[in-house]
Amino acid sequence: MVFTDLQLAAELGKTLLERNKELENSLKQHQNIIEDQTQEIEVGVIDTQLLYLIITMKIIWEWKLLHKAISLYAMHIEHIF
């Protein structure tokens, strides 16, 4: 069977289109993976920032309680003397 230049060009074009679609699908899969990983990283960053905020608030709360306890102790000592 002898292929003409036109037939060869058509086969080459068809093969290139198929390969292009395969590459597009592969690219989309990789983009989806990257998006998923980016979202996981963003959630991790948000979780870390939230944890930092909670710890900071706890430290501030404990400092206020300690300050109040010291103030009450100081008032108690003033009444003794």
N, C-alpha and C. Protein backbone atom coordinates (compact mmCIF):
# COMPACT_ATOMS: atom_id res chain seq x y z
N MET A 1 0.85 -1.17 0.00
CA MET A 1 0.00 0.00 0.00
C MET A 1 0.90 1.24 0.00
N VAL A 2 0.64 2.10 -0.89
CA VAL A 2 1.44 3.31 -1.04
C VAL A 2 0.63 4.48 -0.51
N PHE A 3 1.27 5.24 0.41
CA PHE A 3 0.61 6.42 0.96
C PHE A 3 1.04 7.64 0.17
N THR A 4 0.09 8.48 -0.06
CA THR A 4 0.41 9.74 -0.71
C THR A 4 0.87 10.74 0.35
N ASP A 5 1.48 11.80 -0.08
CA ASP A 5 1.93 12.84 0.86
C ASP A 5 0.76 13.36 1.69
N LEU A 6 -0.40 13.47 1.06
CA LEU A 6 -1.57 13.97 1.77
C LEU A 6 -2.01 12.99 2.85
N GLN A 7 -1.96 11.69 2.52
CA GLN A 7 -2.35 10.69 3.50
C GLN A 7 -1.34 10.66 4.67
N LEU A 8 -0.07 10.75 4.35
CA LEU A 8 0.95 10.78 5.40
C LEU A 8 0.80 12.01 6.29
N ALA A 9 0.52 13.14 5.68
CA ALA A 9 0.31 14.37 6.45
C ALA A 9 -0.91 14.24 7.35
N ALA A 10 -1.97 13.61 6.84
CA ALA A 10 -3.19 13.41 7.64
C ALA A 10 -2.91 12.48 8.82
N GLU A 11 -2.17 11.40 8.59
CA GLU A 11 -1.83 10.47 9.67
C GLU A 11 -0.94 11.15 10.71
N LEU A 12 0.03 11.92 10.25
CA LEU A 12 0.91 12.64 11.16
C LEU A 12 0.11 13.66 11.98
N GLY A 13 -0.79 14.39 11.32
CA GLY A 13 -1.63 15.36 12.03
C GLY A 13 -2.50 14.69 13.07
N LYS A 14 -3.07 13.52 12.71
CA LYS A 14 -3.92 12.77 13.65
C LYS A 14 -3.10 12.31 14.85
N THR A 15 -1.92 11.79 14.59
CA THR A 15 -1.05 11.33 15.68
C THR A 15 -0.64 12.49 16.58
N LEU A 16 -0.32 13.62 15.99
CA LEU A 16 0.07 14.80 16.78
C LEU A 16 -1.10 15.31 17.63
N LEU A 17 -2.30 15.29 17.07
CA LEU A 17 -3.49 15.71 17.84
C LEU A 17 -3.73 14.78 19.02
N GLU A 18 -3.60 13.49 18.79
CA GLU A 18 -3.78 12.52 19.88
C GLU A 18 -2.75 12.74 20.98
N ARG A 19 -1.51 12.93 20.57
CA ARG A 19 -0.44 13.16 21.56
C ARG A 19 -0.67 14.47 22.31
N ASN A 20 -1.15 15.48 21.60
CA ASN A 20 -1.45 16.77 22.23
C ASN A 20 -2.54 16.59 23.30
N LYS A 21 -3.57 15.79 22.98
CA LYS A 21 -4.64 15.56 23.96
C LYS A 21 -4.10 14.81 25.18
N GLU A 22 -3.23 13.84 24.96
CA GLU A 22 -2.62 13.11 26.07
C GLU A 22 -1.83 14.06 26.96
N LEU A 23 -1.06 14.94 26.34
CA LEU A 23 -0.27 15.90 27.11
C LEU A 23 -1.15 16.89 27.86
N GLU A 24 -2.25 17.32 27.24
CA GLU A 24 -3.19 18.23 27.92
C GLU A 24 -3.79 17.55 29.14
N ASN A 25 -4.19 16.28 28.99
CA ASN A 25 -4.76 15.54 30.12
C ASN A 25 -3.74 15.37 31.24
N SER A 26 -2.53 15.07 30.85
CA SER A 26 -1.46 14.93 31.85
C SER A 26 -1.22 16.25 32.56
N LEU A 27 -1.20 17.34 31.81
CA LEU A 27 -1.01 18.66 32.40
C LEU A 27 -2.14 18.99 33.38
N LYS A 28 -3.38 18.71 32.99
CA LYS A 28 -4.52 18.96 33.88
C LYS A 28 -4.41 18.16 35.17
N GLN A 29 -3.99 16.89 35.06
CA GLN A 29 -3.82 16.06 36.25
C GLN A 29 -2.76 16.65 37.17
N HIS A 30 -1.65 17.08 36.60
CA HIS A 30 -0.59 17.67 37.41
C HIS A 30 -1.03 19.00 38.04
N GLN A 31 -1.80 19.78 37.29
CA GLN A 31 -2.32 21.04 37.84
C GLN A 31 -3.26 20.76 39.02
N ASN A 32 -4.09 19.73 38.89
CA ASN A 32 -5.00 19.37 39.98
C ASN A 32 -4.22 18.93 41.22
N ILE A 33 -3.17 18.15 41.00
CA ILE A 33 -2.34 17.72 42.12
C ILE A 33 -1.70 18.92 42.81
N ILE A 34 -1.18 19.84 42.01
CA ILE A 34 -0.55 21.05 42.57
C ILE A 34 -1.57 21.88 43.35
N GLU A 35 -2.78 22.03 42.81
CA GLU A 35 -3.82 22.78 43.50
C GLU A 35 -4.17 22.13 44.83
N ASP A 36 -4.31 20.80 44.82
CA ASP A 36 -4.62 20.08 46.06
C ASP A 36 -3.51 20.26 47.10
N GLN A 37 -2.27 20.14 46.66
CA GLN A 37 -1.15 20.30 47.58
C GLN A 37 -1.06 21.73 48.10
N THR A 38 -1.36 22.70 47.23
CA THR A 38 -1.34 24.11 47.65
C THR A 38 -2.41 24.35 48.71
N GLN A 39 -3.60 23.77 48.52
CA GLN A 39 -4.65 23.93 49.51
C GLN A 39 -4.25 23.29 50.83
N GLU A 40 -3.60 22.13 50.78
CA GLU A 40 -3.15 21.48 52.01
C GLU A 40 -2.12 22.35 52.73
N ILE A 41 -1.22 22.96 51.97
CA ILE A 41 -0.22 23.84 52.57
C ILE A 41 -0.89 25.05 53.20
N GLU A 42 -1.86 25.65 52.48
CA GLU A 42 -2.57 26.82 53.01
C GLU A 42 -3.30 26.47 54.29
N VAL A 43 -3.93 25.31 54.33
CA VAL A 43 -4.63 24.88 55.54
C VAL A 43 -3.63 24.69 56.67
N GLY A 44 -2.47 24.12 56.35
CA GLY A 44 -1.43 23.94 57.37
C GLY A 44 -0.95 25.26 57.92
N VAL A 45 -0.78 26.25 57.05
CA VAL A 45 -0.35 27.58 57.49
C VAL A 45 -1.42 28.21 58.37
N ILE A 46 -2.67 28.09 57.96
CA ILE A 46 -3.78 28.65 58.75
C ILE A 46 -3.85 27.96 60.10
N ASP A 47 -3.70 26.62 60.11
CA ASP A 47 -3.72 25.89 61.38
C ASP A 47 -2.59 26.35 62.29
N THR A 48 -1.41 26.57 61.73
CA THR A 48 -0.26 27.02 62.52
C THR A 48 -0.51 28.42 63.07
N GLN A 49 -1.05 29.31 62.24
CA GLN A 49 -1.34 30.67 62.70
C GLN A 49 -2.41 30.66 63.78
N LEU A 50 -3.42 29.81 63.62
CA LEU A 50 -4.48 29.71 64.62
C LEU A 50 -3.92 29.17 65.94
N LEU A 51 -3.07 28.17 65.86
CA LEU A 51 -2.45 27.62 67.06
C LEU A 51 -1.61 28.68 67.76
N TYR A 52 -0.85 29.44 66.99
CA TYR A 52 -0.04 30.53 67.56
C TYR A 52 -0.93 31.54 68.27
N LEU A 53 -2.06 31.89 67.64
CA LEU A 53 -2.98 32.85 68.23
C LEU A 53 -3.57 32.30 69.53
N ILE A 54 -3.95 31.05 69.54
CA ILE A 54 -4.52 30.43 70.74
C ILE A 54 -3.49 30.42 71.87
N ILE A 55 -2.26 30.04 71.55
CA ILE A 55 -1.21 30.01 72.58
C ILE A 55 -0.94 31.41 73.11
N THR A 56 -0.89 32.39 72.21
CA THR A 56 -0.68 33.78 72.63
C THR A 56 -1.81 34.25 73.55
N MET A 57 -3.05 33.94 73.17
CA MET A 57 -4.18 34.34 74.00
C MET A 57 -4.13 33.65 75.36
N LYS A 58 -3.72 32.39 75.39
CA LYS A 58 -3.61 31.67 76.66
C LYS A 58 -2.54 32.31 77.54
N ILE A 59 -1.42 32.67 76.96
CA ILE A 59 -0.34 33.31 77.73
C ILE A 59 -0.82 34.65 78.29
N ILE A 60 -1.52 35.43 77.47
CA ILE A 60 -2.04 36.72 77.92
C ILE A 60 -3.04 36.51 79.05
N TRP A 61 -3.93 35.53 78.89
CA TRP A 61 -4.93 35.24 79.93
C TRP A 61 -4.24 34.84 81.23
N GLU A 62 -3.25 33.97 81.13
CA GLU A 62 -2.54 33.54 82.34
C GLU A 62 -1.80 34.71 82.98
N TRP A 63 -1.22 35.60 82.15
CA TRP A 63 -0.53 36.76 82.69
C TRP A 63 -1.52 37.66 83.43
N LYS A 64 -2.72 37.84 82.86
CA LYS A 64 -3.74 38.67 83.53
C LYS A 64 -4.17 38.05 84.85
N LEU A 65 -4.33 36.72 84.86
CA LEU A 65 -4.70 36.04 86.11
C LEU A 65 -3.60 36.20 87.15
N LEU A 66 -2.36 36.06 86.72
CA LEU A 66 -1.23 36.21 87.64
C LEU A 66 -1.17 37.64 88.16
N HIS A 67 -1.37 38.61 87.28
CA HIS A 67 -1.36 40.01 87.68
C HIS A 67 -2.47 40.28 88.70
N LYS A 68 -3.64 39.72 88.46
CA LYS A 68 -4.76 39.91 89.40
C LYS A 68 -4.45 39.26 90.74
N ALA A 69 -3.86 38.06 90.68
CA ALA A 69 -3.51 37.38 91.93
C ALA A 69 -2.48 38.18 92.72
N ILE A 70 -1.50 38.73 92.04
CA ILE A 70 -0.49 39.54 92.72
C ILE A 70 -1.12 40.79 93.32
N SER A 71 -2.03 41.41 92.57
CA SER A 71 -2.72 42.61 93.09
C SER A 71 -3.53 42.27 94.33
N LEU A 72 -4.26 41.16 94.29
CA LEU A 72 -5.04 40.76 95.46
C LEU A 72 -4.13 40.44 96.65
N TYR A 73 -3.03 39.78 96.39
CA TYR A 73 -2.08 39.47 97.45
C TYR A 73 -1.50 40.75 98.04
N ALA A 74 -1.18 41.72 97.16
CA ALA A 74 -0.63 43.00 97.64
C ALA A 74 -1.66 43.72 98.50
N MET A 75 -2.95 43.70 98.10
CA MET A 75 -3.99 44.35 98.92
C MET A 75 -4.14 43.64 100.25
N HIS A 76 -4.03 42.33 100.24
CA HIS A 76 -4.14 41.54 101.47
C HIS A 76 -3.00 41.90 102.43
N ILE A 77 -1.80 42.03 101.89
CA ILE A 77 -0.65 42.37 102.73
C ILE A 77 -0.80 43.79 103.29
N GLU A 78 -1.34 44.72 102.50
CA GLU A 78 -1.54 46.09 102.98
C GLU A 78 -2.49 46.11 104.17
N HIS A 79 -3.49 45.24 104.14
CA HIS A 79 -4.45 45.21 105.26
C HIS A 79 -3.85 44.61 106.52
N ILE A 80 -2.88 43.72 106.32
CA ILE A 80 -2.23 43.09 107.47
C ILE A 80 -1.36 44.10 108.19
N PHE A 81 -0.63 44.90 107.44
CA PHE A 81 0.29 45.86 108.05
C PHE A 81 -0.41 47.15 108.21
